[in-house]
Amino acid sequence: MYISRTLEPTIQRASHQFPVVMITGARQVGKTTVLRHLAHQTSQNRNYVTLDDPTLLILAKEEPKLFLERFKPPLLIDEIQYAPGLLPYIKMNVDHRPKTGQYWLTGSQPFQLMRGISESLAGRVGILNLLGLSQWEMQKLSHLDAPFIPGDKSIEKKLTKMEPISLETIYKKIWYGSFPAIATDKHSDKNLFFSSYTQTYLQRDVRDLAQVGDESAFLRFLKVTAARTGQLLNLADIARDTDISPNTAKHWLSILQTAGIIYLLEPYHSNLTKRLVKAPKLYYIDTGLCSYLTQWSDHKTLEAGAMSGAILETFVVIEILKSYWHNGLQAPLYFYRDKDKKEIDLLIVTNQKIYPVEIKKTASPTKEILKNFKVLNQYQESPSQGVVVCFVDTLLPLSSHTDAIPIGLV
């Protein structure tokens, strides 16, 4: 059963604007599925080829010109990162025959691929990011998944369609994660899926790219970083606990980021003060993978365990990230933390306003949660709408500028 993706209209617009459209994202998030669905939906006779096929990969690498003569546009090339040498020839083809929507590409974001895209196809390619399924996509309401902004009218519209969500339901979602193959089939063996995912994709795509010699050290690195989701990035601690050098930790982390496994949330910076922290916060993009790597046996032990708050924060931050990326937008997301340890979980900086977001595992939020919102007054003339994302059942005003909202609205 196909699940509609929020990104679909943006892909179609990009295909009418650029000769090449590139969908990036981690393995198994549904890149190929959404593109093949759109090709079928538009009754377009688009050829399809995957570079996972060893025979075709050899042809693409050794005879890129012949490959593109054999497979003519409109063409969908899956896993383009295995043959980045195709990109200059795609450029020549679209320059010779300037027409939109000729090539659709998918890739799992290795460094060399993105460098090749920027060098070979600058101005000719629309690059879009796809993550796992959002809450709204799982509810078959992808059209409601607008970019999340506190106080926006889209929140009221979502409220009328939102399903009641209990604490147990949320942690079950968190534990399973958002990869379509596992999130849509709760009868699947989650541990088997992620064991295979870790061995097949992370080891083949990520480990080989990172030139890892010690497999056990790399797996340990994955587990150590997963245990730190929702925390300030401290490379020295990660390197120490993994028993690798800080430079190796930095390199491996950048590979995970580029491969769509982790997201680094940057701190808010202002010229008005130098008392803000400079380290980003680390988030695992898929909470199911994160809970697998940190060995939580089920959603109940995860909810009751030491990572309960951090993984809830991870879930909310990534859902908000999806609301931007899946609409083809850069995500204007930051967090606030100063040297006095005043912290705000998330800031959405848009329309020359700073919208604060706190994430709490409570159904009874109090005004005490809002105390750090006041630090933003020095950066803007008047307070912007803020929210506390928690386990209330409906919108609950906490102050003139802040509401508590159900976690199901993000």
Protein backbone atom coordinates (compact mmCIF):
# COMPACT_ATOMS: atom_id res chain seq x y z
CA MET A 1 0.00 0.00 0.00
CA TYR A 2 1.44 3.33 -1.07
CA ILE A 3 1.52 6.17 1.47
CA SER A 4 1.41 9.68 -0.01
CA ARG A 5 4.40 11.84 0.85
CA THR A 6 4.32 15.55 1.69
CA LEU A 7 7.24 16.09 -0.71
CA GLU A 8 5.27 15.01 -3.82
CA PRO A 9 4.00 18.47 -4.94
CA THR A 10 7.48 19.93 -4.43
CA ILE A 11 9.04 17.17 -6.56
CA GLN A 12 6.55 17.91 -9.33
CA ARG A 13 7.27 21.65 -9.18
CA ALA A 14 11.01 21.03 -9.25
CA SER A 15 10.59 18.69 -12.23
CA HIS A 16 8.84 21.49 -14.13
CA GLN A 17 11.62 23.93 -13.23
CA PHE A 18 14.87 21.93 -13.56
CA PRO A 19 16.15 19.40 -16.11
CA VAL A 20 17.45 17.26 -13.20
CA VAL A 21 15.80 16.53 -9.84
CA MET A 22 17.83 14.87 -7.10
CA ILE A 23 16.22 13.24 -4.04
CA THR A 24 18.68 12.63 -1.22
CA GLY A 25 18.18 10.79 2.03
CA ALA A 26 19.16 7.72 3.99
CA ARG A 27 18.63 4.25 2.59
CA GLN A 28 15.08 2.87 2.88
CA VAL A 29 13.26 6.18 3.49
CA GLY A 30 11.22 5.79 0.28
CA LYS A 31 13.10 7.86 -2.32
CA THR A 32 12.63 5.40 -5.18
CA THR A 33 9.08 4.55 -4.15
CA VAL A 34 7.85 8.15 -4.29
CA LEU A 35 9.54 8.84 -7.64
CA ARG A 36 8.21 5.67 -9.28
CA HIS A 37 4.76 6.48 -7.93
CA LEU A 38 4.88 9.99 -9.41
CA ALA A 39 6.13 8.66 -12.75
CA HIS A 40 3.23 6.20 -12.86
CA GLN A 41 0.73 8.79 -11.63
CA THR A 42 1.62 11.22 -14.43
CA SER A 43 1.40 8.41 -17.02
CA GLN A 44 4.94 9.30 -17.99
CA ASN A 45 6.90 6.61 -19.79
CA ARG A 46 9.95 7.15 -17.60
CA ASN A 47 12.72 4.58 -17.83
CA TYR A 48 14.06 3.18 -14.56
CA VAL A 49 17.52 1.85 -13.79
CA THR A 50 19.15 1.01 -10.47
CA LEU A 51 22.89 1.07 -9.93
CA ASP A 52 22.46 -1.62 -7.28
CA ASP A 53 22.56 -3.93 -10.33
CA PRO A 54 26.26 -4.93 -10.65
CA THR A 55 26.11 -5.34 -14.44
CA LEU A 56 24.56 -1.93 -14.99
CA LEU A 57 26.93 -0.36 -12.47
CA ILE A 58 29.94 -1.62 -14.45
CA LEU A 59 28.48 -0.13 -17.63
CA ALA A 60 27.75 3.19 -15.89
CA LYS A 61 31.28 3.40 -14.52
CA GLU A 62 33.21 2.20 -17.56
CA GLU A 63 31.03 3.56 -20.39
CA PRO A 64 28.94 6.45 -18.98
CA LYS A 65 28.18 7.89 -22.42
CA LEU A 66 27.00 4.51 -23.72
CA PHE A 67 24.96 3.99 -20.54
CA LEU A 68 23.01 7.22 -21.14
CA GLU A 69 22.53 6.34 -24.81
CA ARG A 70 21.05 3.00 -23.80
CA PHE A 71 18.82 4.48 -21.08
CA LYS A 72 17.29 7.63 -22.53
CA PRO A 73 15.32 10.36 -20.73
CA PRO A 74 12.91 10.70 -19.17
CA LEU A 75 14.97 8.52 -16.85
CA LEU A 76 15.07 7.65 -13.15
CA ILE A 77 18.53 6.58 -11.97
CA ASP A 78 18.52 4.95 -8.54
CA GLU A 79 21.58 5.17 -6.22
CA ILE A 80 23.53 7.58 -8.44
CA GLN A 81 26.28 7.79 -5.78
CA TYR A 82 27.77 4.54 -7.08
CA ALA A 83 28.57 6.14 -10.46
CA PRO A 84 29.15 9.88 -9.99
CA GLY A 85 31.04 9.79 -13.30
CA LEU A 86 27.61 9.89 -14.99
CA LEU A 87 27.04 13.46 -13.83
CA PRO A 88 29.23 15.31 -16.40
CA TYR A 89 27.52 13.33 -19.19
CA ILE A 90 24.08 14.15 -17.79
CA LYS A 91 25.18 17.81 -17.81
CA MET A 92 26.19 17.57 -21.49
CA ASN A 93 22.86 15.94 -22.35
CA VAL A 94 20.71 18.57 -20.63
CA ASP A 95 22.81 21.40 -22.05
CA HIS A 96 22.42 19.96 -25.55
CA ARG A 97 18.69 19.37 -25.06
CA PRO A 98 17.43 21.88 -22.48
CA LYS A 99 14.15 20.44 -21.26
CA THR A 100 12.80 20.19 -17.72
CA GLY A 101 12.25 16.92 -15.89
CA GLN A 102 14.62 14.80 -17.98
CA TYR A 103 16.49 13.06 -15.17
CA TRP A 104 15.32 12.03 -11.72
CA LEU A 105 18.13 10.84 -9.45
CA THR A 106 18.23 9.29 -6.00
CA GLY A 107 21.27 9.10 -3.76
CA SER A 108 22.26 8.38 -0.20
CA GLN A 109 24.35 11.56 0.10
CA PRO A 110 28.01 10.54 0.22
CA PHE A 111 30.47 13.41 0.04
CA GLN A 112 31.75 12.66 -3.45
CA LEU A 113 28.23 12.61 -4.87
CA MET A 114 27.20 15.98 -3.45
CA ARG A 115 30.50 17.50 -4.54
CA GLY A 116 29.93 16.12 -8.05
CA ILE A 117 26.37 17.45 -8.12
CA SER A 118 27.45 20.97 -7.15
CA GLU A 119 30.34 20.98 -9.65
CA SER A 120 28.64 19.31 -12.63
CA LEU A 121 24.99 20.31 -12.36
CA ALA A 122 25.03 23.77 -10.75
CA GLY A 123 21.90 25.64 -11.82
CA ARG A 124 20.50 22.55 -13.54
CA VAL A 125 19.39 20.46 -10.57
CA GLY A 126 16.76 20.79 -7.86
CA ILE A 127 17.97 18.99 -4.72
CA LEU A 128 15.35 17.81 -2.21
CA ASN A 129 15.73 15.92 1.09
CA LEU A 130 13.50 13.02 2.08
CA LEU A 131 13.33 11.63 5.61
CA GLY A 132 11.21 8.81 7.00
CA LEU A 133 7.43 9.03 7.33
CA SER A 134 6.03 11.92 9.35
CA GLN A 135 3.14 11.55 11.78
CA TRP A 136 0.84 13.18 9.22
CA GLU A 137 1.95 10.89 6.42
CA MET A 138 1.29 7.85 8.62
CA GLN A 139 -2.24 9.17 9.20
CA LYS A 140 -2.66 9.62 5.41
CA LEU A 141 -2.91 13.39 5.91
CA SER A 142 0.29 14.46 4.18
CA HIS A 143 -1.46 17.56 2.77
CA LEU A 144 -1.70 18.96 6.32
CA ASP A 145 2.04 18.72 6.94
CA ALA A 146 2.82 22.44 6.60
CA PRO A 147 6.07 23.95 7.94
CA PHE A 148 5.63 24.12 11.71
CA ILE A 149 5.43 27.67 13.09
CA PRO A 150 3.92 28.38 16.54
CA GLY A 151 0.67 30.31 16.21
CA ASP A 152 0.29 29.53 12.51
CA LYS A 153 -3.23 28.91 11.17
CA SER A 154 -2.17 25.47 9.96
CA ILE A 155 -2.03 24.32 13.60
CA GLU A 156 -5.74 25.04 14.07
CA LYS A 157 -6.50 23.05 10.92
CA LYS A 158 -4.38 20.16 12.18
CA LEU A 159 -6.18 20.24 15.53
CA THR A 160 -9.49 19.32 13.87
CA LYS A 161 -7.91 16.26 12.23
CA MET A 162 -5.51 15.16 14.96
CA GLU A 163 -5.92 11.70 16.41
CA PRO A 164 -5.85 11.45 20.23
CA ILE A 165 -2.36 10.22 21.10
CA SER A 166 -1.46 8.61 24.42
CA LEU A 167 1.95 8.42 26.05
CA GLU A 168 2.17 4.74 25.12
CA THR A 169 1.23 5.42 21.48
CA ILE A 170 3.93 8.08 21.11
CA TYR A 171 6.65 5.88 22.59
CA LYS A 172 5.53 3.01 20.39
CA LYS A 173 5.96 5.34 17.37
CA ILE A 174 9.34 6.42 18.69
CA TRP A 175 10.49 2.83 19.29
CA TYR A 176 9.49 1.63 15.81
CA GLY A 177 10.79 4.74 14.04
CA SER A 178 9.79 6.13 10.67
CA PHE A 179 11.32 3.89 8.00
CA PRO A 180 8.28 2.96 5.86
CA ALA A 181 9.03 -0.78 5.85
CA ILE A 182 8.82 -1.01 9.65
CA ALA A 183 6.58 1.94 10.60
CA THR A 184 3.68 0.73 8.44
CA ASP A 185 3.88 -2.92 9.44
CA LYS A 186 3.93 -3.42 13.19
CA HIS A 187 4.01 -7.20 12.64
CA SER A 188 7.49 -6.94 11.14
CA ASP A 189 10.44 -7.96 13.28
CA LYS A 190 11.94 -4.61 14.19
CA ASN A 191 15.19 -6.01 15.53
CA LEU A 192 15.69 -8.09 12.38
CA PHE A 193 15.05 -5.03 10.20
CA PHE A 194 17.54 -2.82 12.01
CA SER A 195 20.12 -5.59 12.33
CA SER A 196 19.98 -5.99 8.57
CA TYR A 197 19.95 -2.22 8.05
CA THR A 198 23.02 -1.74 10.22
CA GLN A 199 24.97 -4.57 8.61
CA THR A 200 23.94 -3.99 5.00
CA TYR A 201 23.52 -0.26 4.53
CA LEU A 202 25.51 1.37 7.30
CA GLN A 203 28.44 -0.97 6.79
CA ARG A 204 28.36 -0.90 2.98
CA ASP A 205 27.51 2.74 2.35
CA VAL A 206 28.78 4.52 5.43
CA ARG A 207 31.58 2.35 6.79
CA ASP A 208 33.22 1.82 3.39
CA LEU A 209 32.97 5.53 2.61
CA ALA A 210 34.54 6.37 5.96
CA GLN A 211 37.34 3.88 5.20
CA VAL A 212 36.77 2.04 8.44
CA GLY A 213 39.25 -0.71 9.16
CA ASP A 214 37.87 -1.76 12.54
CA GLU A 215 34.23 -2.85 12.21
CA SER A 216 33.75 -3.29 15.94
CA ALA A 217 34.98 0.28 16.58
CA PHE A 218 32.54 1.64 14.01
CA LEU A 219 29.60 -0.25 15.53
CA ARG A 220 30.67 1.00 18.96
CA PHE A 221 30.76 4.53 17.50
CA LEU A 222 27.18 4.14 16.26
CA LYS A 223 26.03 3.01 19.72
CA VAL A 224 27.93 5.76 21.55
CA THR A 225 26.47 8.51 19.33
CA ALA A 226 22.97 7.03 19.57
CA ALA A 227 23.19 7.15 23.37
CA ARG A 228 23.90 10.88 23.09
CA THR A 229 20.89 11.88 21.01
CA GLY A 230 19.44 15.18 22.24
CA GLN A 231 22.74 16.18 23.88
CA LEU A 232 25.38 18.79 23.13
CA LEU A 233 27.98 17.34 20.80
CA ASN A 234 31.22 16.53 22.62
CA LEU A 235 33.64 14.90 20.19
CA ALA A 236 36.29 14.33 22.86
CA ASP A 237 33.87 12.28 24.98
CA ILE A 238 32.64 10.31 21.95
CA ALA A 239 36.22 9.58 20.87
CA ARG A 240 37.19 8.48 24.39
CA ASP A 241 34.20 6.17 24.81
CA THR A 242 34.73 4.66 21.34
CA ASP A 243 38.51 4.39 21.80
CA ILE A 244 39.30 6.30 18.60
CA SER A 245 41.05 9.60 17.93
CA PRO A 246 39.06 12.88 17.99
CA ASN A 247 39.89 13.39 14.30
CA THR A 248 38.48 9.97 13.43
CA ALA A 249 35.35 10.71 15.49
CA LYS A 250 34.92 14.00 13.64
CA HIS A 251 35.30 12.28 10.25
CA TRP A 252 32.90 9.45 11.08
CA LEU A 253 30.35 11.90 12.46
CA SER A 254 30.44 13.98 9.28
CA ILE A 255 29.84 10.79 7.28
CA LEU A 256 26.78 9.92 9.41
CA GLN A 257 25.48 13.46 8.92
CA THR A 258 25.98 13.35 5.16
CA ALA A 259 24.38 9.89 4.93
CA GLY A 260 21.19 11.15 6.61
CA ILE A 261 21.66 9.18 9.84
CA ILE A 262 22.16 12.11 12.23
CA TYR A 263 21.16 15.76 12.32
CA LEU A 264 23.20 18.47 14.00
CA LEU A 265 21.06 21.30 15.38
CA GLU A 266 23.12 24.46 15.46
CA PRO A 267 23.02 26.88 18.43
CA TYR A 268 21.45 30.29 17.99
CA HIS A 269 24.08 32.99 17.52
CA SER A 270 23.80 36.74 17.85
CA ASN A 271 26.23 39.63 17.71
CA LEU A 272 24.55 41.00 20.83
CA THR A 273 26.18 38.49 23.13
CA LYS A 274 29.18 36.21 23.19
CA ARG A 275 27.82 34.16 26.06
CA LEU A 276 26.12 31.57 23.86
CA VAL A 277 27.44 28.02 23.46
CA LYS A 278 28.95 27.12 20.11
CA ALA A 279 28.60 23.32 20.07
CA PRO A 280 25.63 21.86 18.14
CA LYS A 281 23.20 19.28 19.52
CA LEU A 282 23.25 15.77 18.12
CA TYR A 283 20.03 14.03 17.03
CA TYR A 284 19.54 10.62 15.46
CA ILE A 285 17.11 11.20 12.61
CA ASP A 286 15.32 7.88 13.06
CA THR A 287 14.30 7.14 16.64
CA GLY A 288 13.72 3.47 15.81
CA LEU A 289 17.34 3.06 14.73
CA CYS A 290 18.43 5.02 17.79
CA SER A 291 16.45 2.82 20.19
CA TYR A 292 17.79 -0.30 18.45
CA LEU A 293 21.40 0.83 18.78
CA THR A 294 20.87 1.69 22.46
CA GLN A 295 19.23 -1.72 23.02
CA TRP A 296 15.81 -0.82 24.39
CA SER A 297 13.84 -4.06 24.15
CA ASP A 298 10.39 -2.49 23.76
CA HIS A 299 8.58 0.85 23.89
CA LYS A 300 7.62 0.46 27.56
CA THR A 301 11.19 0.08 28.81
CA LEU A 302 12.21 2.98 26.55
CA GLU A 303 9.50 5.21 28.04
CA ALA A 304 10.52 4.31 31.59
CA GLY A 305 14.26 4.45 30.98
CA ALA A 306 17.02 7.03 31.25
CA MET A 307 16.71 8.12 27.60
CA SER A 308 12.97 8.78 27.82
CA GLY A 309 13.20 12.59 27.74
CA ALA A 310 16.04 12.82 25.22
CA ILE A 311 14.41 10.51 22.70
CA LEU A 312 11.07 12.33 23.03
CA GLU A 313 12.89 15.59 22.28
CA THR A 314 14.59 13.88 19.33
CA PHE A 315 11.24 12.73 17.97
CA VAL A 316 9.69 16.21 18.13
CA VAL A 317 12.71 18.04 16.68
CA ILE A 318 12.90 15.63 13.74
CA GLU A 319 9.14 15.82 13.09
CA ILE A 320 9.47 19.61 12.89
CA LEU A 321 12.52 19.19 10.63
CA LYS A 322 10.44 16.96 8.33
CA SER A 323 7.76 19.65 8.10
CA TYR A 324 10.33 21.93 6.44
CA TRP A 325 12.41 19.52 4.36
CA HIS A 326 9.33 17.71 3.06
CA ASN A 327 8.02 21.04 1.78
CA GLY A 328 11.29 21.71 -0.02
CA LEU A 329 12.43 24.34 2.49
CA GLN A 330 15.57 24.96 4.48
CA ALA A 331 14.82 24.40 8.16
CA PRO A 332 15.37 27.61 10.20
CA LEU A 333 15.92 25.61 13.39
CA TYR A 334 18.28 26.37 16.26
CA PHE A 335 18.48 25.88 20.01
CA TYR A 336 19.36 28.37 22.74
CA ARG A 337 21.89 27.81 25.49
CA ASP A 338 24.08 30.40 27.16
CA LYS A 339 26.95 30.26 29.62
CA ASP A 340 24.45 30.64 32.48
CA LYS A 341 22.93 27.33 31.31
CA LYS A 342 19.65 28.95 30.33
CA GLU A 343 18.33 26.73 27.58
CA ILE A 344 15.42 26.58 25.13
CA ASP A 345 14.98 23.26 23.32
CA LEU A 346 14.21 24.71 19.89
CA LEU A 347 14.03 28.09 18.19
CA ILE A 348 12.29 28.59 14.85
CA VAL A 349 13.75 31.74 13.31
CA THR A 350 11.63 33.00 10.42
CA ASN A 351 9.86 36.17 9.27
CA GLN A 352 12.35 38.14 11.42
CA LYS A 353 10.88 36.50 14.52
CA ILE A 354 12.20 33.96 17.01
CA TYR A 355 9.61 31.36 18.02
CA PRO A 356 10.56 29.35 21.15
CA VAL A 357 9.62 25.69 21.54
CA GLU A 358 9.95 23.60 24.70
CA ILE A 359 9.42 19.83 24.66
CA LYS A 360 8.21 18.22 27.89
CA LYS A 361 7.06 14.79 28.96
CA THR A 362 4.09 16.06 30.95
CA ALA A 363 0.33 16.39 30.62
CA SER A 364 0.23 19.23 33.17
CA PRO A 365 2.56 21.99 31.97
CA THR A 366 3.12 25.02 34.21
CA LYS A 367 4.33 28.56 33.60
CA GLU A 368 7.65 27.60 35.19
CA ILE A 369 8.53 25.93 31.87
CA LEU A 370 8.43 29.34 30.16
CA LYS A 371 10.96 31.10 32.39
CA ASN A 372 13.81 30.98 29.86
CA PHE A 373 11.68 32.42 27.03
CA LYS A 374 12.38 35.88 28.49
CA VAL A 375 16.02 35.73 27.36
CA LEU A 376 14.79 36.20 23.79
CA ASN A 377 13.53 39.72 24.58
CA GLN A 378 17.03 41.08 24.00
CA TYR A 379 16.96 39.81 20.41
CA GLN A 380 13.55 41.07 19.27
CA GLU A 381 11.28 44.03 19.94
CA SER A 382 8.27 42.05 21.09
CA PRO A 383 7.76 38.42 22.17
CA SER A 384 6.84 35.93 19.47
CA GLN A 385 4.35 33.12 19.91
CA GLY A 386 5.86 30.17 21.76
CA VAL A 387 4.71 26.62 22.40
CA VAL A 388 5.28 23.83 24.86
CA VAL A 389 4.93 20.50 23.04
CA CYS A 390 3.68 17.96 25.56
CA PHE A 391 0.93 15.47 26.35
CA VAL A 392 -2.05 17.82 26.71
CA ASP A 393 -5.18 16.81 24.78
CA THR A 394 -5.80 20.18 23.12
CA LEU A 395 -4.43 23.73 22.91
CA LEU A 396 -3.93 25.12 26.41
CA PRO A 397 -2.95 28.80 26.89
CA LEU A 398 -0.10 29.19 29.37
CA SER A 399 0.47 32.92 28.86
CA SER A 400 -0.52 35.67 26.46
CA HIS A 401 2.16 34.48 24.02
CA THR A 402 2.51 30.77 24.77
CA ASP A 403 0.30 27.71 24.35
CA ALA A 404 0.79 24.12 25.38
CA ILE A 405 0.02 21.94 22.37
CA PRO A 406 -0.46 18.18 21.92
CA ILE A 407 2.56 16.30 20.63
CA GLY A 408 0.39 15.03 17.80
CA LEU A 409 0.31 18.50 16.22
CA VAL A 410 3.96 18.60 15.17
